[in-house]
């Protein structure tokens, strides 16, 4: 395939070198003449393991060259990878001047391009940038329509400095956000031999994935450091603790606890976070990440409350009362707080939870239900049907299997507010509202 790589910084230089190594005919483009001259001399413009020898070999083989002339490169290639920088602005946003500039130049070239090339953004950009900036700019300056007369994709990179070549050939995943299927097909062919899953999605999802990844990596570093600071304060080997922590790939390093939804509760998480913070205070340690966990959880309860209020119904049905499905545990259940606050605001509640109803008759939570929340226990009903018959707004509070069919059973003037995503549907105002989807 004939490929142009626009921007010969870190990502662009690595991508150009590896694509040429894979047998493609690659031309790199950069306004800095020094970078162009280095590549054409068979030298690397960046310091990165293994890149130099690859560039030297591929330039000698005639598979890789570079130029300052973008139009020349794009006009003679089937696919263009845009790897220009998106530096930070003082307000925390990203500077799109390089993205806009390169899209304008590409657009001018597309106007006279004889084929329907695919423009692929590798630059890291906030969700909405493709729809609001990239595609309109390409269409404006080309006079052509994206997805019809030229293709557009976004293909976030997951390269770590120091191991970029290894990461290129061993990606954790390959993500392709596509405007149309044909665009994605051409790009997917480029990565057909790569290991790991290939995920094809809409462009907004692909834009967001890179930010989710990097925020998670930043959070992991900060979390490990705070645990380390606390460990040192109590005389424990932090590396030994985290080595053991990382051996748990069922819960700690896994998809568990990483599903957007309602607040956490139960007898462990709130209590143990508070205990750690109490110990940190005794040691005069400031742990801002851990200190933010419970306030963040409280904000999610507030978000759920506001969703119910904004639905407009006064008769509320709650399905699932324990902090998670399959248990009768109401200790620090966020659903209990939600119910308490709705009752205080004068809403009429009916509550159904098969496991909690059984617990009211026997079980560990009997005393809690009958003595701590008797005013709520009196609002519990024995069947799901009674909740559906009563409610204008139906809140799904945990993922009990019997609640999966509820969104399909609501009447004309009923709204479902889903805290756990029992349905794959996206939010539809006044009908089905996911708390954070």
Protein backbone atom coordinates (compact mmCIF):
# COMPACT_ATOMS: atom_id res chain seq x y z
CA UNK A 1 0.00 0.00 0.00
CA UNK A 2 1.17 3.57 -0.65
CA UNK A 3 1.06 5.49 2.63
CA UNK A 4 1.92 9.03 3.66
CA UNK A 5 2.71 9.84 7.30
CA UNK A 6 2.11 13.49 8.15
CA UNK A 7 4.21 14.61 11.09
CA UNK A 8 7.57 12.97 11.85
CA UNK A 9 7.67 13.40 15.58
CA UNK A 10 7.61 10.50 17.99
CA UNK A 11 4.48 8.71 16.75
CA UNK A 12 4.96 9.57 13.10
CA UNK A 13 8.60 8.47 12.88
CA UNK A 14 7.88 5.14 14.57
CA UNK A 15 4.78 4.53 12.44
CA UNK A 16 6.57 5.40 9.19
CA UNK A 17 9.53 3.15 10.00
CA UNK A 18 7.41 0.16 10.99
CA UNK A 19 5.02 0.50 8.03
CA UNK A 20 7.97 0.55 5.64
CA UNK A 21 9.41 -2.48 7.39
CA UNK A 22 6.10 -4.25 6.79
CA UNK A 23 6.55 -3.78 3.05
CA UNK A 24 4.52 -0.64 2.37
CA UNK A 25 5.76 2.27 0.30
CA UNK A 26 5.94 5.10 2.82
CA UNK A 27 6.60 8.80 2.43
CA UNK A 28 6.95 10.92 5.57
CA UNK A 29 6.01 14.58 5.64
CA UNK A 30 7.17 17.28 8.02
CA UNK A 31 7.66 21.07 7.72
CA UNK A 32 10.97 20.78 9.60
CA UNK A 33 13.62 20.29 6.92
CA UNK A 34 16.07 18.84 9.46
CA UNK A 35 13.79 15.86 10.18
CA UNK A 36 13.25 15.27 6.47
CA UNK A 37 16.98 15.37 5.74
CA UNK A 38 17.76 12.99 8.60
CA UNK A 39 15.30 10.38 7.35
CA UNK A 40 16.45 10.70 3.74
CA UNK A 41 19.99 10.14 5.02
CA UNK A 42 18.83 6.95 6.73
CA UNK A 43 18.96 8.44 10.22
CA UNK A 44 16.29 8.70 12.92
CA UNK A 45 14.89 12.11 13.96
CA UNK A 46 13.99 10.78 17.43
CA UNK A 47 15.75 8.88 20.20
CA UNK A 48 13.96 5.55 20.48
CA UNK A 49 15.17 1.97 20.71
CA UNK A 50 15.31 0.04 17.39
CA UNK A 51 13.96 2.87 15.21
CA UNK A 52 17.34 3.96 13.82
CA UNK A 53 18.29 0.61 12.25
CA UNK A 54 14.81 0.19 10.77
CA UNK A 55 14.91 3.63 9.13
CA UNK A 56 18.40 3.01 7.78
CA UNK A 57 17.40 -0.33 6.26
CA UNK A 58 14.11 0.86 4.76
CA UNK A 59 15.57 4.05 3.27
CA UNK A 60 18.33 1.98 1.65
CA UNK A 61 15.69 -0.43 0.30
CA UNK A 62 13.71 2.45 -1.22
CA UNK A 63 10.64 1.79 0.96
CA UNK A 64 10.88 4.97 3.02
CA UNK A 65 11.58 8.58 2.13
CA UNK A 66 10.56 12.01 3.43
CA UNK A 67 9.56 15.40 2.08
CA UNK A 68 8.37 18.81 3.18
CA UNK A 69 5.73 18.84 0.42
CA UNK A 70 2.45 17.55 1.86
CA UNK A 71 0.46 17.88 -1.38
CA UNK A 72 2.93 15.77 -3.30
CA UNK A 73 2.82 13.02 -0.67
CA UNK A 74 -0.96 12.87 -0.22
CA UNK A 75 -1.67 13.03 -3.95
CA UNK A 76 0.32 9.86 -4.59
CA UNK A 77 -0.85 7.73 -1.64
CA UNK A 78 -3.91 5.63 -0.82
CA UNK A 79 -3.88 6.31 2.90
CA UNK A 80 -2.56 9.22 4.99
CA UNK A 81 -1.76 8.90 8.69
CA UNK A 82 -1.92 12.26 10.48
CA UNK A 83 0.47 12.28 13.44
CA UNK A 84 0.77 16.00 14.20
CA UNK A 85 1.02 17.28 17.76
CA UNK A 86 -1.87 18.38 19.98
CA UNK A 87 -0.08 20.30 22.76
CA UNK A 88 -1.78 21.50 25.93
CA UNK A 89 -3.25 24.97 26.29
CA UNK A 90 -2.90 26.97 29.54
CA UNK A 91 -6.57 26.24 30.36
CA UNK A 92 -6.02 22.47 30.10
CA UNK A 93 -7.52 22.08 26.64
CA UNK A 94 -5.57 21.03 23.57
CA UNK A 95 -4.16 23.26 20.84
CA UNK A 96 -5.61 22.24 17.47
CA UNK A 97 -3.65 24.68 15.32
CA UNK A 98 -1.50 21.94 13.79
CA UNK A 99 -4.53 19.71 13.22
CA UNK A 100 -6.46 22.51 11.52
CA UNK A 101 -3.48 23.50 9.40
CA UNK A 102 -2.78 19.97 8.17
CA UNK A 103 -6.48 19.34 7.49
CA UNK A 104 -6.66 22.50 5.38
CA UNK A 105 -3.63 21.37 3.36
CA UNK A 106 -5.00 17.85 2.97
CA UNK A 107 -8.35 19.30 1.89
CA UNK A 108 -6.74 21.37 -0.89
CA UNK A 109 -4.96 18.23 -2.10
CA UNK A 110 -8.08 16.06 -1.92
CA UNK A 111 -9.84 18.47 -4.26
CA UNK A 112 -7.58 17.29 -7.09
CA UNK A 113 -6.95 13.71 -5.89
CA UNK A 114 -7.98 11.20 -8.57
CA UNK A 115 -9.06 8.54 -6.08
CA UNK A 116 -10.83 8.25 -2.73
CA UNK A 117 -7.97 8.10 -0.21
CA UNK A 118 -8.49 7.44 3.49
CA UNK A 119 -7.36 10.11 5.97
CA UNK A 120 -6.49 8.55 9.33
CA UNK A 121 -5.98 10.67 12.45
CA UNK A 122 -3.40 9.23 14.87
CA UNK A 123 -3.19 12.45 16.90
CA UNK A 124 -4.77 12.37 20.37
CA UNK A 125 -7.90 14.56 20.28
CA UNK A 126 -10.80 15.15 22.64
CA UNK A 127 -14.17 13.54 21.80
CA UNK A 128 -16.05 15.66 19.27
CA UNK A 129 -12.92 16.97 17.51
CA UNK A 130 -13.37 14.70 14.51
CA UNK A 131 -16.98 15.81 13.93
CA UNK A 132 -16.50 19.45 14.87
CA UNK A 133 -13.07 20.24 13.42
CA UNK A 134 -11.41 17.53 11.33
CA UNK A 135 -14.24 16.43 9.02
CA UNK A 136 -15.73 19.93 8.44
CA UNK A 137 -12.26 21.30 7.61
CA UNK A 138 -11.47 18.47 5.19
CA UNK A 139 -14.85 18.89 3.50
CA UNK A 140 -14.64 22.68 3.33
CA UNK A 141 -11.22 22.79 1.66
CA UNK A 142 -11.76 19.80 -0.61
CA UNK A 143 -15.34 20.42 -1.69
CA UNK A 144 -15.88 16.68 -1.22
CA UNK A 145 -17.93 14.60 1.23
CA UNK A 146 -16.36 12.45 3.93
CA UNK A 147 -17.42 8.83 3.78
CA UNK A 148 -18.40 9.15 0.12
CA UNK A 149 -15.64 10.83 -1.88
CA UNK A 150 -12.84 10.22 0.62
CA UNK A 151 -12.53 8.13 3.76
CA UNK A 152 -11.92 9.22 7.35
CA UNK A 153 -10.87 7.19 10.39
CA UNK A 154 -9.31 7.78 13.77
CA UNK A 155 -6.73 5.25 14.96
CA UNK A 156 -5.39 6.08 18.45
CA UNK A 157 -1.88 4.86 19.19
CA UNK A 158 -0.78 3.04 22.33
CA UNK A 159 2.99 3.47 22.12
CA UNK A 160 5.18 3.90 25.18
CA UNK A 161 8.39 5.86 24.87
CA UNK A 162 11.37 3.52 25.12
CA UNK A 163 9.43 0.47 23.87
CA UNK A 164 7.57 2.00 20.92
CA UNK A 165 8.66 -0.47 18.24
CA UNK A 166 7.81 -3.44 20.47
CA UNK A 167 4.45 -1.83 21.31
CA UNK A 168 3.74 -1.19 17.61
CA UNK A 169 4.07 -4.90 16.84
CA UNK A 170 2.47 -6.11 20.08
CA UNK A 171 -0.48 -3.74 20.66
CA UNK A 172 -2.86 -4.43 23.56
CA UNK A 173 -5.63 -3.62 21.10
CA UNK A 174 -6.10 -1.97 17.71
CA UNK A 175 -8.89 0.61 17.71
CA UNK A 176 -10.40 1.95 14.49
CA UNK A 177 -13.05 4.65 14.63
CA UNK A 178 -14.63 4.84 11.19
CA UNK A 179 -16.96 7.20 9.37
CA UNK A 180 -17.93 4.46 6.93
CA UNK A 181 -17.21 0.76 6.57
CA UNK A 182 -15.00 1.03 3.48
CA UNK A 183 -12.64 3.45 5.25
CA UNK A 184 -12.28 1.08 8.17
CA UNK A 185 -11.73 -1.89 5.87
CA UNK A 186 -8.67 -0.31 4.25
CA UNK A 187 -7.16 0.61 7.60
CA UNK A 188 -7.99 -2.80 9.08
CA UNK A 189 -6.09 -4.45 6.22
CA UNK A 190 -3.01 -2.50 7.33
CA UNK A 191 -3.13 -4.17 10.75
CA UNK A 192 -4.45 -7.60 9.72
CA UNK A 193 -1.36 -9.44 11.00
CA UNK A 194 -1.25 -7.67 14.37
CA UNK A 195 -1.91 -9.69 17.54
CA UNK A 196 -4.53 -8.62 20.05
CA UNK A 197 -8.15 -7.65 19.46
CA UNK A 198 -9.16 -5.34 16.64
CA UNK A 199 -12.04 -3.08 17.68
CA UNK A 200 -14.01 -1.06 15.14
CA UNK A 201 -16.29 1.63 16.49
CA UNK A 202 -17.81 5.02 15.86
CA UNK A 203 -15.27 7.85 15.84
CA UNK A 204 -16.35 9.43 19.17
CA UNK A 205 -15.77 6.18 21.05
CA UNK A 206 -12.33 5.79 19.48
CA UNK A 207 -11.45 9.38 20.42
CA UNK A 208 -12.43 8.77 24.05
CA UNK A 209 -10.63 5.43 24.44
CA UNK A 210 -7.16 7.01 24.42
CA UNK A 211 -8.17 9.48 27.15
CA UNK A 212 -9.72 6.72 29.26
CA UNK A 213 -6.51 4.70 28.93
CA UNK A 214 -4.20 7.55 29.88
CA UNK A 215 -6.37 8.76 32.75
CA UNK A 216 -6.39 5.20 34.11
CA UNK A 217 -2.60 4.93 33.81
CA UNK A 218 -2.19 8.26 35.60
CA UNK A 219 -4.60 7.14 38.32
CA UNK A 220 -2.69 3.86 38.77
CA UNK A 221 0.60 5.71 39.27
CA UNK A 222 -0.96 8.10 41.77
CA UNK A 223 -2.78 5.29 43.57
CA UNK A 224 0.39 3.19 43.89
CA UNK A 225 2.30 6.19 45.21
CA UNK A 226 -0.34 6.98 47.84
CA UNK A 227 -0.44 3.34 48.99
CA UNK A 228 3.37 3.46 49.05
CA UNK A 229 3.41 6.61 51.18
CA UNK A 230 0.99 5.04 53.65
CA UNK A 231 2.96 1.79 53.71
CA UNK A 232 6.16 3.65 54.53
CA UNK A 233 4.35 5.46 57.33
CA UNK A 234 3.37 2.18 58.98
CA UNK A 235 6.65 0.39 58.25
CA UNK A 236 5.40 -1.95 55.52
CA UNK A 237 7.24 -2.78 52.27
CA UNK A 238 5.08 -1.04 49.64
CA UNK A 239 6.57 -2.97 46.73
CA UNK A 240 5.74 -6.27 48.42
CA UNK A 241 2.16 -5.09 49.02
CA UNK A 242 1.68 -4.02 45.40
CA UNK A 243 3.34 -7.17 44.07
CA UNK A 244 0.70 -9.19 45.92
CA UNK A 245 -2.02 -6.76 44.83
CA UNK A 246 -1.08 -7.24 41.15
CA UNK A 247 -1.23 -11.04 41.39
CA UNK A 248 -5.01 -10.76 41.71
CA UNK A 249 -6.11 -10.73 38.07
CA UNK A 250 -9.66 -11.75 38.90
CA UNK A 251 -10.65 -8.52 40.66
CA UNK A 252 -7.75 -6.05 40.91
CA UNK A 253 -6.42 -6.17 37.32
CA UNK A 254 -9.57 -7.04 35.45
CA UNK A 255 -12.85 -5.60 34.09
CA UNK A 256 -14.46 -5.97 37.54
CA UNK A 257 -15.43 -2.65 39.14
CA UNK A 258 -14.86 -0.84 35.83
CA UNK A 259 -18.46 -0.69 34.61
CA UNK A 260 -19.93 2.84 34.73
CA UNK A 261 -23.04 2.91 36.91
CA UNK A 262 -24.27 3.87 40.37
CA UNK A 263 -22.33 4.43 43.58
CA UNK A 264 -20.65 1.64 45.54
CA UNK A 265 -21.82 0.56 48.98
CA UNK A 266 -21.74 -2.45 51.27
CA UNK A 267 -19.88 -3.34 54.40
CA UNK A 268 -16.32 -3.19 52.98
CA UNK A 269 -15.48 -0.45 50.51
CA UNK A 270 -16.80 2.66 52.34
CA UNK A 271 -15.58 1.44 55.73
CA UNK A 272 -12.10 0.49 54.55
CA UNK A 273 -11.49 3.68 52.61
CA UNK A 274 -12.47 5.67 55.70
CA UNK A 275 -10.14 3.55 57.84
CA UNK A 276 -7.18 4.14 55.52
CA UNK A 277 -7.83 7.88 55.56
CA UNK A 278 -8.07 7.83 59.35
CA UNK A 279 -4.69 6.12 59.56
CA UNK A 280 -3.20 8.58 57.07
CA UNK A 281 -4.43 11.47 59.19
CA UNK A 282 -2.75 9.97 62.26
CA UNK A 283 0.49 9.84 60.25
CA UNK A 284 0.00 13.41 58.95
CA UNK A 285 -0.13 12.13 55.37
CA UNK A 286 -2.04 13.87 52.60
CA UNK A 287 -3.61 11.31 50.21
CA UNK A 288 -5.64 13.38 47.72
CA UNK A 289 -6.62 10.52 45.41
CA UNK A 290 -7.92 8.27 48.19
CA UNK A 291 -9.49 11.30 49.90
CA UNK A 292 -11.51 11.95 46.75
CA UNK A 293 -13.00 8.45 46.47
CA UNK A 294 -15.88 8.86 48.93
CA UNK A 295 -16.82 12.41 47.80
CA UNK A 296 -16.84 11.16 44.20
CA UNK A 297 -19.10 8.28 45.24
CA UNK A 298 -21.43 10.72 46.99
CA UNK A 299 -21.65 12.82 43.83
CA UNK A 300 -22.87 9.76 41.94
CA UNK A 301 -25.68 9.32 44.46
CA UNK A 302 -26.57 12.98 43.95
CA UNK A 303 -26.52 12.45 40.19
CA UNK A 304 -28.96 9.56 40.57
CA UNK A 305 -31.25 11.62 42.81
CA UNK A 306 -31.33 14.49 40.31
CA UNK A 307 -32.14 12.09 37.48
CA UNK A 308 -35.19 10.87 39.41
CA UNK A 309 -36.31 14.40 40.28
CA UNK A 310 -35.90 15.60 36.71
CA UNK A 311 -38.04 12.74 35.40
CA UNK A 312 -41.04 14.65 36.77
CA UNK A 313 -42.97 11.73 38.27
CA UNK A 314 -44.11 11.80 41.89
CA UNK A 315 -44.75 8.06 42.12
CA UNK A 316 -41.41 6.25 42.19
CA UNK A 317 -40.72 2.55 41.92
CA UNK A 318 -37.36 1.14 43.04
CA UNK A 319 -36.23 -2.24 41.75
CA UNK A 320 -33.26 -3.54 43.67
CA UNK A 321 -32.54 -2.18 47.13
CA UNK A 322 -29.35 -3.93 48.25
CA UNK A 323 -26.03 -2.49 47.11
CA UNK A 324 -25.67 -5.24 44.48
CA UNK A 325 -27.71 -8.08 43.04
CA UNK A 326 -27.71 -11.48 44.74
CA UNK A 327 -27.35 -10.17 48.29
CA UNK A 328 -29.62 -8.86 51.04
CA UNK A 329 -26.91 -6.53 52.39
CA UNK A 330 -28.26 -3.02 52.94
CA UNK A 331 -25.28 -1.70 54.90
CA UNK A 332 -24.32 1.63 53.33
CA UNK A 333 -26.39 0.77 50.26
CA UNK A 334 -26.63 3.93 48.13
CA UNK A 335 -30.18 2.87 47.27
CA UNK A 336 -31.16 3.28 50.92
CA UNK A 337 -29.85 6.86 50.91
CA UNK A 338 -31.64 7.53 47.63
CA UNK A 339 -34.92 6.27 49.09
CA UNK A 340 -34.46 8.26 52.30
CA UNK A 341 -33.94 11.48 50.36
CA UNK A 342 -36.88 10.87 48.03
CA UNK A 343 -39.16 10.18 51.00
CA UNK A 344 -37.94 13.40 52.60
CA UNK A 345 -38.94 15.29 49.46
CA UNK A 346 -42.47 13.87 49.54
CA UNK A 347 -42.26 11.26 46.78
CA UNK A 348 -44.47 8.15 46.91
CA UNK A 349 -42.26 5.06 46.83
CA UNK A 350 -42.78 1.36 46.21
CA UNK A 351 -39.72 -0.87 46.55
CA UNK A 352 -39.13 -4.41 45.35
CA UNK A 353 -36.10 -6.62 45.98
CA UNK A 354 -36.60 -10.37 46.20
CA UNK A 355 -33.56 -10.92 48.43
CA UNK A 356 -34.30 -8.05 50.81
CA UNK A 357 -37.92 -9.20 51.19
CA UNK A 358 -36.67 -12.60 52.27
CA UNK A 359 -34.21 -10.98 54.65
CA UNK A 360 -37.07 -9.14 56.35
CA UNK A 361 -38.39 -12.55 57.39
CA UNK A 362 -35.07 -14.15 58.31
CA UNK A 363 -31.38 -13.44 57.85
CA UNK A 364 -28.60 -11.16 58.99
CA UNK A 365 -30.28 -7.95 57.90
CA UNK A 366 -33.60 -8.52 59.69
CA UNK A 367 -32.70 -6.23 62.60
CA UNK A 368 -31.41 -3.51 60.29
CA UNK A 369 -34.52 -3.58 58.11
CA UNK A 370 -37.06 -3.68 60.92
CA UNK A 371 -35.35 -1.37 63.40
CA UNK A 372 -33.13 1.03 61.41
CA UNK A 373 -35.30 1.68 58.35
CA UNK A 374 -38.84 0.62 59.35
CA UNK A 375 -40.33 3.58 57.46
CA UNK A 376 -38.70 2.24 54.29
CA UNK A 377 -39.44 -1.42 54.95
CA UNK A 378 -43.17 -0.57 55.03
CA UNK A 379 -42.86 0.62 51.42
CA UNK A 380 -41.61 -2.74 50.18
CA UNK A 381 -43.94 -4.81 48.02
CA UNK A 382 -43.77 -8.54 47.25
CA UNK A 383 -43.82 -8.41 43.44
CA UNK A 384 -42.20 -6.52 40.60
CA UNK A 385 -45.64 -6.07 39.02
CA UNK A 386 -46.82 -3.96 41.95
CA UNK A 387 -43.94 -1.55 41.39
CA UNK A 388 -44.69 -1.30 37.67
CA UNK A 389 -48.38 -0.65 38.37
CA UNK A 390 -47.57 2.12 40.86
CA UNK A 391 -44.68 4.02 39.34
CA UNK A 392 -44.37 6.89 36.93
CA UNK A 393 -40.59 6.66 37.29
CA UNK A 394 -38.93 3.26 37.69
CA UNK A 395 -35.41 3.15 39.13
CA UNK A 396 -33.37 0.01 38.49
CA UNK A 397 -30.93 -0.14 41.38
CA UNK A 398 -29.11 -3.43 40.89
CA UNK A 399 -28.54 -5.98 38.16
CA UNK A 400 -30.87 -8.78 39.28
CA UNK A 401 -31.66 -10.86 36.14
CA UNK A 402 -35.41 -10.38 36.56
CA UNK A 403 -35.02 -6.63 35.90
CA UNK A 404 -33.58 -7.08 32.40
CA UNK A 405 -37.04 -7.15 30.80
CA UNK A 406 -38.32 -4.04 32.59
CA UNK A 407 -37.42 -1.44 29.91
CA UNK A 408 -39.55 -3.39 27.44
CA UNK A 409 -42.56 -3.46 29.77
CA UNK A 410 -43.05 0.21 30.58
CA UNK A 411 -46.21 2.07 29.66
CA UNK A 412 -46.69 5.22 27.61
CA UNK A 413 -46.12 7.69 30.47
CA UNK A 414 -43.46 5.80 32.40
CA UNK A 415 -39.71 6.46 32.52
CA UNK A 416 -36.97 4.00 33.41
CA UNK A 417 -33.83 5.32 35.14
CA UNK A 418 -31.20 2.61 34.95
CA UNK A 419 -28.29 2.69 37.41
CA UNK A 420 -26.67 -0.58 36.27
CA UNK A 421 -27.34 -0.89 32.51
CA UNK A 422 -29.70 -3.84 32.29
CA UNK A 423 -30.27 -2.79 28.67
CA UNK A 424 -27.84 -2.07 25.83
CA UNK A 425 -29.94 0.96 24.88
CA UNK A 426 -28.59 4.48 24.97
CA UNK A 427 -30.49 7.15 26.89
CA UNK A 428 -33.73 8.39 25.35
CA UNK A 429 -35.13 11.43 27.17
CA UNK A 430 -38.36 10.71 28.99
CA UNK A 431 -38.29 6.98 28.20
CA UNK A 432 -35.03 5.36 29.26
CA UNK A 433 -32.23 7.18 31.08
CA UNK A 434 -28.88 5.58 31.86
CA UNK A 435 -27.17 7.28 34.77
CA UNK A 436 -23.93 7.76 32.84
CA UNK A 437 -24.50 6.47 29.32
